[in-house]
Amino acid sequence: MPEIRSRIFDGEKFMWDGKDYPDQAEAQKAEKAYQDQNFETRLISEDGKFQIYTRRLVKEVVVQGQS
């Protein structure tokens, strides 16, 4: 099981998706898939590997009233 890692980008917390991508094209494909699922993403390169950090975008807050 991969370790849980987080990073702060521009004052916001992002979580690592737990995968090391061997090349940038593969990482960008995965990044696009996350973005299509309403995640904000950051792609970084470290030690010759690419990693994606994600953060869920809140689009709507539903508040239920008391009955």
PDB file of N, CA and C in Angstrom:
ATOM      1  N   MET A   1       0.850  -1.185   0.000  1.00  0.00           N
ATOM      2  CA  MET A   1       0.000   0.000   0.000  1.00  0.00           C
ATOM      3  C   MET A   1       0.889   1.240   0.000  1.00  0.00           C
ATOM      4  N   PRO A   2       0.609   2.193  -0.896  1.00  0.00           N
ATOM      5  CA  PRO A   2       1.454   3.388  -0.946  1.00  0.00           C
ATOM      6  C   PRO A   2       1.236   4.277   0.273  1.00  0.00           C
ATOM      7  N   GLU A   3       2.278   5.011   0.606  1.00  0.00           N
ATOM      8  CA  GLU A   3       2.140   5.935   1.730  1.00  0.00           C
ATOM      9  C   GLU A   3       1.227   7.094   1.338  1.00  0.00           C
ATOM     10  N   ILE A   4       0.559   7.656   2.306  1.00  0.00           N
ATOM     11  CA  ILE A   4      -0.333   8.786   2.061  1.00  0.00           C
ATOM     12  C   ILE A   4       0.498  10.055   2.171  1.00  0.00           C
ATOM     13  N   ARG A   5       0.505  10.831   1.099  1.00  0.00           N
ATOM     14  CA  ARG A   5       1.269  12.075   1.090  1.00  0.00           C
ATOM     15  C   ARG A   5       0.382  13.225   0.651  1.00  0.00           C
ATOM     16  N   SER A   6       0.668  14.359   1.210  1.00  0.00           N
ATOM     17  CA  SER A   6      -0.029  15.567   0.797  1.00  0.00           C
ATOM     18  C   SER A   6       0.999  16.673   0.588  1.00  0.00           C
ATOM     19  N   ARG A   7       0.591  17.670  -0.173  1.00  0.00           N
ATOM     20  CA  ARG A   7       1.432  18.841  -0.422  1.00  0.00           C
ATOM     21  C   ARG A   7       0.534  20.065  -0.462  1.00  0.00           C
ATOM     22  N   ILE A   8       1.131  21.182  -0.169  1.00  0.00           N
ATOM     23  CA  ILE A   8       0.427  22.454  -0.248  1.00  0.00           C
ATOM     24  C   ILE A   8       0.888  23.178  -1.512  1.00  0.00           C
ATOM     25  N   PHE A   9      -0.055  23.507  -2.381  1.00  0.00           N
ATOM     26  CA  PHE A   9       0.198  24.287  -3.587  1.00  0.00           C
ATOM     27  C   PHE A   9      -0.674  25.529  -3.510  1.00  0.00           C
ATOM     28  N   ASP A  10      -0.071  26.686  -3.586  1.00  0.00           N
ATOM     29  CA  ASP A  10      -0.812  27.959  -3.548  1.00  0.00           C
ATOM     30  C   ASP A  10      -1.757  28.032  -2.352  1.00  0.00           C
ATOM     31  N   GLY A  11      -1.304  27.519  -1.207  1.00  0.00           N
ATOM     32  CA  GLY A  11      -2.089  27.599   0.026  1.00  0.00           C
ATOM     33  C   GLY A  11      -3.208  26.579   0.140  1.00  0.00           C
ATOM     34  N   GLU A  12      -3.292  25.630  -0.795  1.00  0.00           N
ATOM     35  CA  GLU A  12      -4.355  24.622  -0.754  1.00  0.00           C
ATOM     36  C   GLU A  12      -3.744  23.226  -0.683  1.00  0.00           C
ATOM     37  N   LYS A  13      -4.384  22.339   0.075  1.00  0.00           N
ATOM     38  CA  LYS A  13      -3.871  20.985   0.288  1.00  0.00           C
ATOM     39  C   LYS A  13      -4.311  20.053  -0.843  1.00  0.00           C
ATOM     40  N   PHE A  14      -3.342  19.335  -1.388  1.00  0.00           N
ATOM     41  CA  PHE A  14      -3.575  18.338  -2.433  1.00  0.00           C
ATOM     42  C   PHE A  14      -3.046  16.997  -1.934  1.00  0.00           C
ATOM     43  N   MET A  15      -3.714  15.919  -2.322  1.00  0.00           N
ATOM     44  CA  MET A  15      -3.307  14.567  -1.921  1.00  0.00           C
ATOM     45  C   MET A  15      -2.709  13.837  -3.120  1.00  0.00           C
ATOM     46  N   TRP A  16      -1.622  13.095  -2.882  1.00  0.00           N
ATOM     47  CA  TRP A  16      -0.979  12.292  -3.916  1.00  0.00           C
ATOM     48  C   TRP A  16      -1.889  11.130  -4.275  1.00  0.00           C
ATOM     49  N   ASP A  17      -1.982  10.787  -5.543  1.00  0.00           N
ATOM     50  CA  ASP A  17      -2.852   9.682  -5.953  1.00  0.00           C
ATOM     51  C   ASP A  17      -2.211   8.316  -5.712  1.00  0.00           C
ATOM     52  N   GLY A  18      -0.974   8.274  -5.236  1.00  0.00           N
ATOM     53  CA  GLY A  18      -0.334   7.020  -4.857  1.00  0.00           C
ATOM     54  C   GLY A  18       0.387   6.303  -5.982  1.00  0.00           C
ATOM     55  N   LYS A  19       0.480   6.945  -7.150  1.00  0.00           N
ATOM     56  CA  LYS A  19       1.106   6.297  -8.299  1.00  0.00           C
ATOM     57  C   LYS A  19       2.287   7.118  -8.805  1.00  0.00           C
ATOM     58  N   ASP A  20       3.336   6.409  -9.226  1.00  0.00           N
ATOM     59  CA  ASP A  20       4.457   7.038  -9.926  1.00  0.00           C
ATOM     60  C   ASP A  20       4.297   6.716 -11.402  1.00  0.00           C
ATOM     61  N   TYR A  21       4.246   7.747 -12.227  1.00  0.00           N
ATOM     62  CA  TYR A  21       4.079   7.562 -13.664  1.00  0.00           C
ATOM     63  C   TYR A  21       5.453   7.639 -14.334  1.00  0.00           C
ATOM     64  N   PRO A  22       5.771   6.677 -15.215  1.00  0.00           N
ATOM     65  CA  PRO A  22       7.109   6.618 -15.812  1.00  0.00           C
ATOM     66  C   PRO A  22       7.393   7.716 -16.836  1.00  0.00           C
ATOM     67  N   ASP A  23       6.358   8.266 -17.456  1.00  0.00           N
ATOM     68  CA  ASP A  23       6.596   9.328 -18.434  1.00  0.00           C
ATOM     69  C   ASP A  23       5.499  10.390 -18.345  1.00  0.00           C
ATOM     70  N   GLN A  24       5.802  11.557 -18.864  1.00  0.00           N
ATOM     71  CA  GLN A  24       4.896  12.695 -18.748  1.00  0.00           C
ATOM     72  C   GLN A  24       3.587  12.476 -19.506  1.00  0.00           C
ATOM     73  N   ALA A  25       3.644  11.832 -20.660  1.00  0.00           N
ATOM     74  CA  ALA A  25       2.426  11.610 -21.451  1.00  0.00           C
ATOM     75  C   ALA A  25       1.418  10.754 -20.680  1.00  0.00           C
ATOM     76  N   GLU A  26       1.897   9.703 -20.034  1.00  0.00           N
ATOM     77  CA  GLU A  26       1.012   8.837 -19.246  1.00  0.00           C
ATOM     78  C   GLU A  26       0.431   9.604 -18.056  1.00  0.00           C
ATOM     79  N   ALA A  27       1.259  10.413 -17.419  1.00  0.00           N
ATOM     80  CA  ALA A  27       0.802  11.209 -16.277  1.00  0.00           C
ATOM     81  C   ALA A  27      -0.243  12.230 -16.710  1.00  0.00           C
ATOM     82  N   GLN A  28      -0.041  12.861 -17.861  1.00  0.00           N
ATOM     83  CA  GLN A  28      -1.004  13.850 -18.345  1.00  0.00           C
ATOM     84  C   GLN A  28      -2.343  13.207 -18.710  1.00  0.00           C
ATOM     85  N   LYS A  29      -2.290  11.988 -19.200  1.00  0.00           N
ATOM     86  CA  LYS A  29      -3.529  11.261 -19.517  1.00  0.00           C
ATOM     87  C   LYS A  29      -4.319  10.993 -18.230  1.00  0.00           C
ATOM     88  N   ALA A  30      -3.620  10.542 -17.182  1.00  0.00           N
ATOM     89  CA  ALA A  30      -4.272  10.293 -15.895  1.00  0.00           C
ATOM     90  C   ALA A  30      -4.764  11.601 -15.287  1.00  0.00           C
ATOM     91  N   GLU A  31      -3.982  12.667 -15.415  1.00  0.00           N
ATOM     92  CA  GLU A  31      -4.373  13.969 -14.886  1.00  0.00           C
ATOM     93  C   GLU A  31      -5.677  14.441 -15.541  1.00  0.00           C
ATOM     94  N   LYS A  32      -5.797  14.262 -16.834  1.00  0.00           N
ATOM     95  CA  LYS A  32      -7.013  14.651 -17.560  1.00  0.00           C
ATOM     96  C   LYS A  32      -8.219  13.862 -17.047  1.00  0.00           C
ATOM     97  N   ALA A  33      -8.018  12.574 -16.770  1.00  0.00           N
ATOM     98  CA  ALA A  33      -9.110  11.747 -16.245  1.00  0.00           C
ATOM     99  C   ALA A  33      -9.583  12.275 -14.885  1.00  0.00           C
ATOM    100  N   TYR A  34      -8.643  12.690 -14.035  1.00  0.00           N
ATOM    101  CA  TYR A  34      -9.031  13.277 -12.743  1.00  0.00           C
ATOM    102  C   TYR A  34      -9.792  14.582 -12.951  1.00  0.00           C
ATOM    103  N   GLN A  35      -9.322  15.402 -13.861  1.00  0.00           N
ATOM    104  CA  GLN A  35      -9.984  16.682 -14.120  1.00  0.00           C
ATOM    105  C   GLN A  35     -11.403  16.477 -14.639  1.00  0.00           C
ATOM    106  N   ASP A  36     -11.599  15.443 -15.440  1.00  0.00           N
ATOM    107  CA  ASP A  36     -12.934  15.132 -15.946  1.00  0.00           C
ATOM    108  C   ASP A  36     -13.887  14.695 -14.838  1.00  0.00           C
ATOM    109  N   GLN A  37     -13.324  14.279 -13.688  1.00  0.00           N
ATOM    110  CA  GLN A  37     -14.130  13.871 -12.538  1.00  0.00           C
ATOM    111  C   GLN A  37     -14.199  14.988 -11.490  1.00  0.00           C
ATOM    112  N   ASN A  38     -13.965  16.221 -11.930  1.00  0.00           N
ATOM    113  CA  ASN A  38     -14.064  17.422 -11.087  1.00  0.00           C
ATOM    114  C   ASN A  38     -13.002  17.506  -9.998  1.00  0.00           C
ATOM    115  N   PHE A  39     -11.803  17.032 -10.286  1.00  0.00           N
ATOM    116  CA  PHE A  39     -10.674  17.211  -9.379  1.00  0.00           C
ATOM    117  C   PHE A  39      -9.794  18.337  -9.913  1.00  0.00           C
ATOM    118  N   GLU A  40      -9.232  19.102  -8.999  1.00  0.00           N
ATOM    119  CA  GLU A  40      -8.180  20.045  -9.345  1.00  0.00           C
ATOM    120  C   GLU A  40      -6.888  19.254  -9.231  1.00  0.00           C
ATOM    121  N   THR A  41      -5.940  19.439 -10.131  1.00  0.00           N
ATOM    122  CA  THR A  41      -4.730  18.614 -10.140  1.00  0.00           C
ATOM    123  C   THR A  41      -3.464  19.447 -10.207  1.00  0.00           C
ATOM    124  N   ARG A  42      -2.372  18.837  -9.744  1.00  0.00           N
ATOM    125  CA  ARG A  42      -1.032  19.376  -9.911  1.00  0.00           C
ATOM    126  C   ARG A  42      -0.149  18.209 -10.330  1.00  0.00           C
ATOM    127  N   LEU A  43       0.614  18.380 -11.383  1.00  0.00           N
ATOM    128  CA  LEU A  43       1.521  17.360 -11.896  1.00  0.00           C
ATOM    129  C   LEU A  43       2.942  17.814 -11.595  1.00  0.00           C
ATOM    130  N   ILE A  44       3.703  16.954 -10.921  1.00  0.00           N
ATOM    131  CA  ILE A  44       5.083  17.302 -10.594  1.00  0.00           C
ATOM    132  C   ILE A  44       6.023  16.194 -11.062  1.00  0.00           C
ATOM    133  N   SER A  45       7.276  16.549 -11.218  1.00  0.00           N
ATOM    134  CA  SER A  45       8.308  15.591 -11.594  1.00  0.00           C
ATOM    135  C   SER A  45       9.352  15.566 -10.486  1.00  0.00           C
ATOM    136  N   GLU A  46       9.624  14.365  -9.967  1.00  0.00           N
ATOM    137  CA  GLU A  46      10.627  14.178  -8.919  1.00  0.00           C
ATOM    138  C   GLU A  46      11.388  12.901  -9.175  1.00  0.00           C
ATOM    139  N   ASP A  47      12.695  12.964  -9.113  1.00  0.00           N
ATOM    140  CA  ASP A  47      13.547  11.784  -9.261  1.00  0.00           C
ATOM    141  C   ASP A  47      13.234  10.998 -10.530  1.00  0.00           C
ATOM    142  N   GLY A  48      12.926  11.700 -11.627  1.00  0.00           N
ATOM    143  CA  GLY A  48      12.657  11.036 -12.895  1.00  0.00           C
ATOM    144  C   GLY A  48      11.292  10.394 -13.009  1.00  0.00           C
ATOM    145  N   LYS A  49      10.440  10.592 -12.006  1.00  0.00           N
ATOM    146  CA  LYS A  49       9.077  10.051 -12.024  1.00  0.00           C
ATOM    147  C   LYS A  49       8.101  11.215 -11.973  1.00  0.00           C
ATOM    148  N   PHE A  50       6.920  10.975 -12.491  1.00  0.00           N
ATOM    149  CA  PHE A  50       5.873  11.991 -12.459  1.00  0.00           C
ATOM    150  C   PHE A  50       4.818  11.566 -11.449  1.00  0.00           C
ATOM    151  N   GLN A  51       4.333  12.537 -10.699  1.00  0.00           N
ATOM    152  CA  GLN A  51       3.305  12.273  -9.689  1.00  0.00           C
ATOM    153  C   GLN A  51       2.173  13.284  -9.853  1.00  0.00           C
ATOM    154  N   ILE A  52       0.967  12.829  -9.517  1.00  0.00           N
ATOM    155  CA  ILE A  52      -0.208  13.692  -9.590  1.00  0.00           C
ATOM    156  C   ILE A  52      -0.762  13.886  -8.182  1.00  0.00           C
ATOM    157  N   TYR A  53      -1.010  15.134  -7.862  1.00  0.00           N
ATOM    158  CA  TYR A  53      -1.664  15.491  -6.607  1.00  0.00           C
ATOM    159  C   TYR A  53      -3.031  16.044  -6.968  1.00  0.00           C
ATOM    160  N   THR A  54      -4.052  15.630  -6.217  1.00  0.00           N
ATOM    161  CA  THR A  54      -5.419  16.013  -6.550  1.00  0.00           C
ATOM    162  C   THR A  54      -6.123  16.670  -5.374  1.00  0.00           C
ATOM    163  N   ARG A  55      -7.149  17.415  -5.726  1.00  0.00           N
ATOM    164  CA  ARG A  55      -8.002  18.078  -4.737  1.00  0.00           C
ATOM    165  C   ARG A  55      -9.384  18.162  -5.350  1.00  0.00           C
ATOM    166  N   ARG A  56     -10.379  17.739  -4.612  1.00  0.00           N
ATOM    167  CA  ARG A  56     -11.760  17.753  -5.107  1.00  0.00           C
ATOM    168  C   ARG A  56     -12.288  19.182  -5.095  1.00  0.00           C
ATOM    169  N   LEU A  57     -12.882  19.579  -6.198  1.00  0.00           N
ATOM    170  CA  LEU A  57     -13.501  20.886  -6.293  1.00  0.00           C
ATOM    171  C   LEU A  57     -14.937  20.809  -5.789  1.00  0.00           C
ATOM    172  N   VAL A  58     -15.301  21.679  -4.890  1.00  0.00           N
ATOM    173  CA  VAL A  58     -16.671  21.726  -4.393  1.00  0.00           C
ATOM    174  C   VAL A  58     -17.462  22.637  -5.309  1.00  0.00           C
ATOM    175  N   LYS A  59     -18.462  22.081  -5.941  1.00  0.00           N
ATOM    176  CA  LYS A  59     -19.270  22.862  -6.882  1.00  0.00           C
ATOM    177  C   LYS A  59     -20.606  23.287  -6.279  1.00  0.00           C
ATOM    178  N   GLU A  60     -21.114  22.499  -5.341  1.00  0.00           N
ATOM    179  CA  GLU A  60     -22.417  22.808  -4.775  1.00  0.00           C
ATOM    180  C   GLU A  60     -22.459  22.255  -3.353  1.00  0.00           C
ATOM    181  N   VAL A  61     -22.981  23.049  -2.451  1.00  0.00           N
ATOM    182  CA  VAL A  61     -23.162  22.604  -1.079  1.00  0.00           C
ATOM    183  C   VAL A  61     -24.658  22.496  -0.834  1.00  0.00           C
ATOM    184  N   VAL A  62     -25.086  21.322  -0.427  1.00  0.00           N
ATOM    185  CA  VAL A  62     -26.507  21.093  -0.160  1.00  0.00           C
ATOM    186  C   VAL A  62     -26.697  21.076   1.359  1.00  0.00           C
ATOM    187  N   VAL A  63     -27.560  21.944   1.834  1.00  0.00           N
ATOM    188  CA  VAL A  63     -27.860  22.038   3.255  1.00  0.00           C
ATOM    189  C   VAL A  63     -29.285  21.566   3.468  1.00  0.00           C
ATOM    190  N   GLN A  64     -29.449  20.572   4.336  1.00  0.00           N
ATOM    191  CA  GLN A  64     -30.787  20.069   4.620  1.00  0.00           C
ATOM    192  C   GLN A  64     -31.302  20.713   5.897  1.00  0.00           C
ATOM    193  N   GLY A  65     -32.542  21.189   5.844  1.00  0.00           N
ATOM    194  CA  GLY A  65     -33.151  21.809   7.003  1.00  0.00           C
ATOM    195  C   GLY A  65     -33.717  20.783   7.962  1.00  0.00           C
ATOM    196  N   GLN A  66     -33.990  21.221   9.178  1.00  0.00           N
ATOM    197  CA  GLN A  66     -34.587  20.327  10.170  1.00  0.00           C
ATOM    198  C   GLN A  66     -36.087  20.247   9.949  1.00  0.00           C
ATOM    199  N   SER A  67     -36.659  19.079  10.177  1.00  0.00           N
ATOM    200  CA  SER A  67     -38.097  18.905   9.999  1.00  0.00           C
ATOM    201  C   SER A  67     -38.820  19.097  11.302  1.00  0.00           C
TER     202      SER A  67
END
